[in-house]
Amino acid sequence: MDIEKGLIKEALEEAAKHHHEYESNILGGTFDEAWADWYGAFMIGRLSQLTKPSLITQSLQMAADMHERDPNREMPWSEFYAEYVRDYFQEVPDESEDFGNTGSEEEGLDG
């Protein structure tokens, strides 16, 4: 699956802006432990090529782990995450055609 890093970066930065408002206004300034789920859902709305929220959430959590361990965090976080997510999805097969397919179409409904 080929996704442009710039599109991912823009979606991340927009998600960050809105998530900050959510943490401030809804959570009363408390850190949201489920931030990757929130970002994933937001980004799915922005990046129609990404069809499975669980995959983008997983890639965000993995990017966070890698970023935390990176001693040279000179790259802006959104660029680092965008690069990681892009690379992650280049390794994931494109399943967009199969999303929501339960197999009943192939097997037939008549049995």
N, C-alpha and C. Protein backbone atom coordinates (compact mmCIF):
# COMPACT_ATOMS: atom_id res chain seq x y z
N MET A 1 0.86 -1.16 0.00
CA MET A 1 0.00 0.00 0.00
C MET A 1 0.91 1.23 0.00
N ASP A 2 0.74 2.12 -0.96
CA ASP A 2 1.60 3.28 -1.09
C ASP A 2 0.85 4.53 -0.64
N ILE A 3 1.35 5.17 0.40
CA ILE A 3 0.73 6.38 0.94
C ILE A 3 1.81 7.44 1.05
N GLU A 4 1.51 8.64 0.61
CA GLU A 4 2.49 9.72 0.68
C GLU A 4 2.74 10.16 2.11
N LYS A 5 4.01 10.33 2.43
CA LYS A 5 4.41 10.76 3.76
C LYS A 5 3.79 12.12 4.11
N GLY A 6 3.74 13.03 3.16
CA GLY A 6 3.17 14.36 3.41
C GLY A 6 1.71 14.31 3.83
N LEU A 7 0.93 13.42 3.21
CA LEU A 7 -0.48 13.28 3.58
C LEU A 7 -0.62 12.75 5.00
N ILE A 8 0.23 11.80 5.36
CA ILE A 8 0.20 11.24 6.71
C ILE A 8 0.59 12.30 7.72
N LYS A 9 1.63 13.07 7.40
CA LYS A 9 2.11 14.13 8.30
C LYS A 9 1.02 15.17 8.54
N GLU A 10 0.34 15.59 7.49
CA GLU A 10 -0.75 16.57 7.62
C GLU A 10 -1.87 16.01 8.51
N ALA A 11 -2.23 14.75 8.29
CA ALA A 11 -3.29 14.13 9.09
C ALA A 11 -2.87 14.03 10.55
N LEU A 12 -1.60 13.69 10.80
CA LEU A 12 -1.09 13.62 12.17
C LEU A 12 -1.16 14.97 12.86
N GLU A 13 -0.73 16.01 12.17
CA GLU A 13 -0.72 17.35 12.76
C GLU A 13 -2.14 17.84 13.03
N GLU A 14 -3.05 17.54 12.12
CA GLU A 14 -4.45 17.92 12.35
C GLU A 14 -5.04 17.13 13.52
N ALA A 15 -4.72 15.84 13.58
CA ALA A 15 -5.18 15.01 14.70
C ALA A 15 -4.63 15.56 16.01
N ALA A 16 -3.36 15.95 16.02
CA ALA A 16 -2.74 16.48 17.24
C ALA A 16 -3.46 17.73 17.72
N LYS A 17 -3.78 18.61 16.80
CA LYS A 17 -4.48 19.85 17.16
C LYS A 17 -5.83 19.54 17.83
N HIS A 18 -6.59 18.67 17.19
CA HIS A 18 -7.92 18.34 17.72
C HIS A 18 -7.83 17.49 18.99
N HIS A 19 -6.85 16.61 19.05
CA HIS A 19 -6.71 15.78 20.24
C HIS A 19 -6.29 16.61 21.44
N HIS A 20 -5.46 17.63 21.21
CA HIS A 20 -5.08 18.52 22.31
C HIS A 20 -6.31 19.21 22.88
N GLU A 21 -7.20 19.66 22.00
CA GLU A 21 -8.45 20.28 22.46
C GLU A 21 -9.29 19.27 23.25
N TYR A 22 -9.32 18.03 22.79
CA TYR A 22 -10.06 16.97 23.47
C TYR A 22 -9.48 16.73 24.87
N GLU A 23 -8.15 16.59 24.95
CA GLU A 23 -7.51 16.38 26.26
C GLU A 23 -7.76 17.56 27.20
N SER A 24 -7.66 18.76 26.65
CA SER A 24 -7.82 19.96 27.48
C SER A 24 -9.26 20.15 27.94
N ASN A 25 -10.20 20.06 27.00
CA ASN A 25 -11.58 20.40 27.29
C ASN A 25 -12.42 19.25 27.83
N ILE A 26 -12.20 18.06 27.34
CA ILE A 26 -13.01 16.91 27.74
C ILE A 26 -12.37 16.15 28.90
N LEU A 27 -11.06 15.94 28.81
CA LEU A 27 -10.36 15.17 29.84
C LEU A 27 -9.79 16.06 30.95
N GLY A 28 -10.01 17.35 30.85
CA GLY A 28 -9.55 18.27 31.89
C GLY A 28 -8.04 18.34 32.04
N GLY A 29 -7.31 18.19 30.93
CA GLY A 29 -5.87 18.28 30.95
C GLY A 29 -5.14 16.99 31.27
N THR A 30 -5.89 15.90 31.41
CA THR A 30 -5.31 14.60 31.71
C THR A 30 -4.77 13.96 30.44
N PHE A 31 -3.60 13.31 30.53
CA PHE A 31 -3.02 12.60 29.39
C PHE A 31 -3.94 11.46 28.98
N ASP A 32 -4.21 11.36 27.70
CA ASP A 32 -5.07 10.31 27.16
C ASP A 32 -4.22 9.09 26.82
N GLU A 33 -4.33 8.05 27.65
CA GLU A 33 -3.57 6.81 27.43
C GLU A 33 -3.96 6.14 26.11
N ALA A 34 -5.15 6.36 25.64
CA ALA A 34 -5.63 5.75 24.40
C ALA A 34 -5.48 6.69 23.21
N TRP A 35 -4.45 7.54 23.25
CA TRP A 35 -4.26 8.53 22.20
C TRP A 35 -4.15 7.90 20.81
N ALA A 36 -3.49 6.74 20.69
CA ALA A 36 -3.30 6.13 19.37
C ALA A 36 -4.63 5.69 18.76
N ASP A 37 -5.56 5.24 19.60
CA ASP A 37 -6.90 4.89 19.10
C ASP A 37 -7.60 6.13 18.56
N TRP A 38 -7.49 7.23 19.30
CA TRP A 38 -8.12 8.50 18.91
C TRP A 38 -7.52 8.98 17.60
N TYR A 39 -6.18 9.03 17.54
CA TYR A 39 -5.50 9.47 16.32
C TYR A 39 -5.87 8.55 15.15
N GLY A 40 -5.87 7.24 15.40
CA GLY A 40 -6.19 6.29 14.35
C GLY A 40 -7.56 6.55 13.75
N ALA A 41 -8.55 6.73 14.61
CA ALA A 41 -9.91 6.99 14.13
C ALA A 41 -9.97 8.31 13.36
N PHE A 42 -9.30 9.32 13.87
CA PHE A 42 -9.29 10.62 13.19
C PHE A 42 -8.64 10.49 11.82
N MET A 43 -7.50 9.80 11.78
CA MET A 43 -6.76 9.69 10.52
C MET A 43 -7.47 8.83 9.49
N ILE A 44 -8.23 7.85 9.94
CA ILE A 44 -9.03 7.04 9.00
C ILE A 44 -9.99 7.96 8.25
N GLY A 45 -10.55 8.92 8.96
CA GLY A 45 -11.44 9.88 8.31
C GLY A 45 -10.74 10.76 7.30
N ARG A 46 -9.46 10.99 7.48
CA ARG A 46 -8.69 11.85 6.58
C ARG A 46 -7.99 11.09 5.46
N LEU A 47 -7.66 9.84 5.70
CA LEU A 47 -6.90 9.06 4.73
C LEU A 47 -7.73 7.85 4.31
N SER A 48 -8.51 8.02 3.28
CA SER A 48 -9.43 6.96 2.88
C SER A 48 -8.72 5.69 2.42
N GLN A 49 -7.42 5.79 2.08
CA GLN A 49 -6.69 4.59 1.66
C GLN A 49 -6.50 3.62 2.82
N LEU A 50 -6.54 4.12 4.04
CA LEU A 50 -6.33 3.28 5.21
C LEU A 50 -7.69 2.79 5.69
N THR A 51 -7.93 1.53 5.52
CA THR A 51 -9.28 1.03 5.76
C THR A 51 -9.47 0.34 7.10
N LYS A 52 -8.38 -0.01 7.77
CA LYS A 52 -8.52 -0.72 9.04
C LYS A 52 -7.96 0.10 10.18
N PRO A 53 -8.84 0.64 11.02
CA PRO A 53 -8.36 1.44 12.15
C PRO A 53 -7.35 0.71 13.03
N SER A 54 -7.51 -0.60 13.19
CA SER A 54 -6.58 -1.34 14.04
C SER A 54 -5.15 -1.29 13.50
N LEU A 55 -4.99 -1.28 12.18
CA LEU A 55 -3.65 -1.22 11.60
C LEU A 55 -3.01 0.14 11.80
N ILE A 56 -3.77 1.21 11.62
CA ILE A 56 -3.17 2.53 11.82
C ILE A 56 -2.89 2.77 13.29
N THR A 57 -3.74 2.29 14.17
CA THR A 57 -3.49 2.42 15.61
C THR A 57 -2.21 1.66 15.98
N GLN A 58 -2.07 0.47 15.46
CA GLN A 58 -0.88 -0.32 15.73
C GLN A 58 0.37 0.38 15.21
N SER A 59 0.29 0.94 14.01
CA SER A 59 1.46 1.62 13.45
C SER A 59 1.81 2.87 14.26
N LEU A 60 0.81 3.57 14.78
CA LEU A 60 1.08 4.75 15.61
C LEU A 60 1.73 4.37 16.93
N GLN A 61 1.26 3.29 17.54
CA GLN A 61 1.85 2.84 18.79
C GLN A 61 3.30 2.40 18.58
N MET A 62 3.56 1.72 17.47
CA MET A 62 4.92 1.29 17.16
C MET A 62 5.82 2.50 16.87
N ALA A 63 5.28 3.49 16.17
CA ALA A 63 6.05 4.71 15.89
C ALA A 63 6.40 5.43 17.19
N ALA A 64 5.44 5.46 18.12
CA ALA A 64 5.70 6.10 19.42
C ALA A 64 6.81 5.38 20.17
N ASP A 65 6.78 4.07 20.14
CA ASP A 65 7.84 3.29 20.80
C ASP A 65 9.20 3.58 20.17
N MET A 66 9.24 3.60 18.85
CA MET A 66 10.50 3.87 18.15
C MET A 66 10.98 5.29 18.42
N HIS A 67 10.07 6.25 18.42
CA HIS A 67 10.42 7.64 18.65
C HIS A 67 10.96 7.84 20.06
N GLU A 68 10.35 7.15 21.01
CA GLU A 68 10.78 7.24 22.41
C GLU A 68 12.21 6.73 22.58
N ARG A 69 12.56 5.70 21.82
CA ARG A 69 13.90 5.10 21.94
C ARG A 69 14.95 5.79 21.07
N ASP A 70 14.52 6.70 20.20
CA ASP A 70 15.44 7.37 19.27
C ASP A 70 16.23 8.45 20.01
N PRO A 71 17.56 8.28 20.14
CA PRO A 71 18.36 9.27 20.85
C PRO A 71 18.52 10.57 20.07
N ASN A 72 18.30 10.53 18.76
CA ASN A 72 18.44 11.73 17.92
C ASN A 72 17.06 12.20 17.47
N ARG A 73 16.31 12.74 18.38
CA ARG A 73 14.95 13.18 18.06
C ARG A 73 14.94 14.59 17.47
N GLU A 74 15.79 14.81 16.50
CA GLU A 74 15.84 16.12 15.87
C GLU A 74 14.73 16.31 14.85
N MET A 75 14.24 15.23 14.29
CA MET A 75 13.16 15.29 13.32
C MET A 75 11.87 15.63 14.06
N PRO A 76 11.05 16.54 13.54
CA PRO A 76 9.75 16.82 14.18
C PRO A 76 8.95 15.53 14.33
N TRP A 77 8.23 15.41 15.44
CA TRP A 77 7.52 14.17 15.74
C TRP A 77 6.59 13.75 14.61
N SER A 78 5.86 14.72 14.02
CA SER A 78 4.89 14.36 12.99
C SER A 78 5.59 13.81 11.74
N GLU A 79 6.76 14.33 11.44
CA GLU A 79 7.52 13.82 10.30
C GLU A 79 8.04 12.41 10.58
N PHE A 80 8.56 12.20 11.81
CA PHE A 80 9.04 10.88 12.21
C PHE A 80 7.91 9.85 12.13
N TYR A 81 6.76 10.18 12.71
CA TYR A 81 5.62 9.27 12.72
C TYR A 81 5.13 9.02 11.29
N ALA A 82 5.06 10.09 10.48
CA ALA A 82 4.59 9.95 9.10
C ALA A 82 5.49 9.00 8.32
N GLU A 83 6.78 9.14 8.51
CA GLU A 83 7.73 8.26 7.82
C GLU A 83 7.55 6.81 8.28
N TYR A 84 7.39 6.63 9.58
CA TYR A 84 7.22 5.29 10.12
C TYR A 84 5.91 4.66 9.62
N VAL A 85 4.82 5.41 9.68
CA VAL A 85 3.52 4.90 9.25
C VAL A 85 3.55 4.58 7.75
N ARG A 86 4.15 5.46 6.96
CA ARG A 86 4.26 5.20 5.52
C ARG A 86 5.02 3.90 5.26
N ASP A 87 6.17 3.74 5.93
CA ASP A 87 6.96 2.53 5.75
C ASP A 87 6.19 1.29 6.22
N TYR A 88 5.47 1.44 7.31
CA TYR A 88 4.67 0.34 7.85
C TYR A 88 3.65 -0.11 6.81
N PHE A 89 2.95 0.83 6.20
CA PHE A 89 1.91 0.47 5.24
C PHE A 89 2.45 0.02 3.90
N GLN A 90 3.71 0.32 3.62
CA GLN A 90 4.31 -0.22 2.40
C GLN A 90 4.54 -1.71 2.54
N GLU A 91 4.63 -2.20 3.77
CA GLU A 91 4.84 -3.62 4.02
C GLU A 91 3.53 -4.38 4.21
N VAL A 92 2.41 -3.68 4.40
CA VAL A 92 1.11 -4.31 4.63
C VAL A 92 0.42 -4.49 3.29
N PRO A 93 -0.09 -5.70 2.99
CA PRO A 93 -0.81 -5.90 1.72
C PRO A 93 -2.06 -5.04 1.68
N ASP A 94 -2.42 -4.59 0.49
CA ASP A 94 -3.61 -3.77 0.30
C ASP A 94 -4.84 -4.65 0.43
N GLU A 95 -5.61 -4.44 1.51
CA GLU A 95 -6.81 -5.22 1.76
C GLU A 95 -8.06 -4.38 1.60
N SER A 96 -7.93 -3.21 0.97
CA SER A 96 -9.08 -2.30 0.90
C SER A 96 -10.25 -2.91 0.15
N GLU A 97 -9.96 -3.76 -0.85
CA GLU A 97 -11.06 -4.38 -1.58
C GLU A 97 -11.81 -5.39 -0.73
N ASP A 98 -11.11 -5.98 0.26
CA ASP A 98 -11.70 -7.02 1.08
C ASP A 98 -12.34 -6.50 2.35
N PHE A 99 -12.21 -5.21 2.64
CA PHE A 99 -12.70 -4.66 3.90
C PHE A 99 -14.21 -4.86 3.99
N GLY A 100 -14.64 -5.52 5.04
CA GLY A 100 -16.06 -5.74 5.27
C GLY A 100 -16.60 -6.98 4.59
N ASN A 101 -15.76 -7.66 3.83
CA ASN A 101 -16.20 -8.87 3.15
C ASN A 101 -16.18 -10.04 4.13
N THR A 102 -17.33 -10.61 4.38
CA THR A 102 -17.43 -11.73 5.32
C THR A 102 -17.30 -13.07 4.64
N GLY A 103 -17.16 -13.03 3.32
CA GLY A 103 -17.04 -14.27 2.59
C GLY A 103 -18.35 -14.77 2.03
N SER A 104 -19.47 -14.19 2.41
CA SER A 104 -20.76 -14.68 1.94
C SER A 104 -20.94 -14.45 0.44
N GLU A 105 -20.28 -13.43 -0.11
CA GLU A 105 -20.39 -13.17 -1.53
C GLU A 105 -19.73 -14.28 -2.34
N GLU A 106 -18.61 -14.79 -1.83
CA GLU A 106 -17.90 -15.83 -2.55
C GLU A 106 -18.60 -17.17 -2.41
N GLU A 107 -19.12 -17.46 -1.25
CA GLU A 107 -19.73 -18.75 -0.99
C GLU A 107 -21.18 -18.80 -1.50
N GLY A 108 -21.75 -17.67 -1.70
CA GLY A 108 -23.15 -17.62 -2.13
C GLY A 108 -24.06 -17.66 -0.92
N LEU A 109 -25.18 -16.98 -1.01
CA LEU A 109 -26.10 -16.91 0.10
C LEU A 109 -27.06 -18.10 0.11
N ASP A 110 -27.12 -18.82 -1.01
CA ASP A 110 -28.06 -19.93 -1.11
C ASP A 110 -27.55 -21.18 -0.42
N GLY A 111 -26.21 -21.26 -0.22
CA GLY A 111 -25.63 -22.42 0.47
C GLY A 111 -25.37 -23.46 -0.46
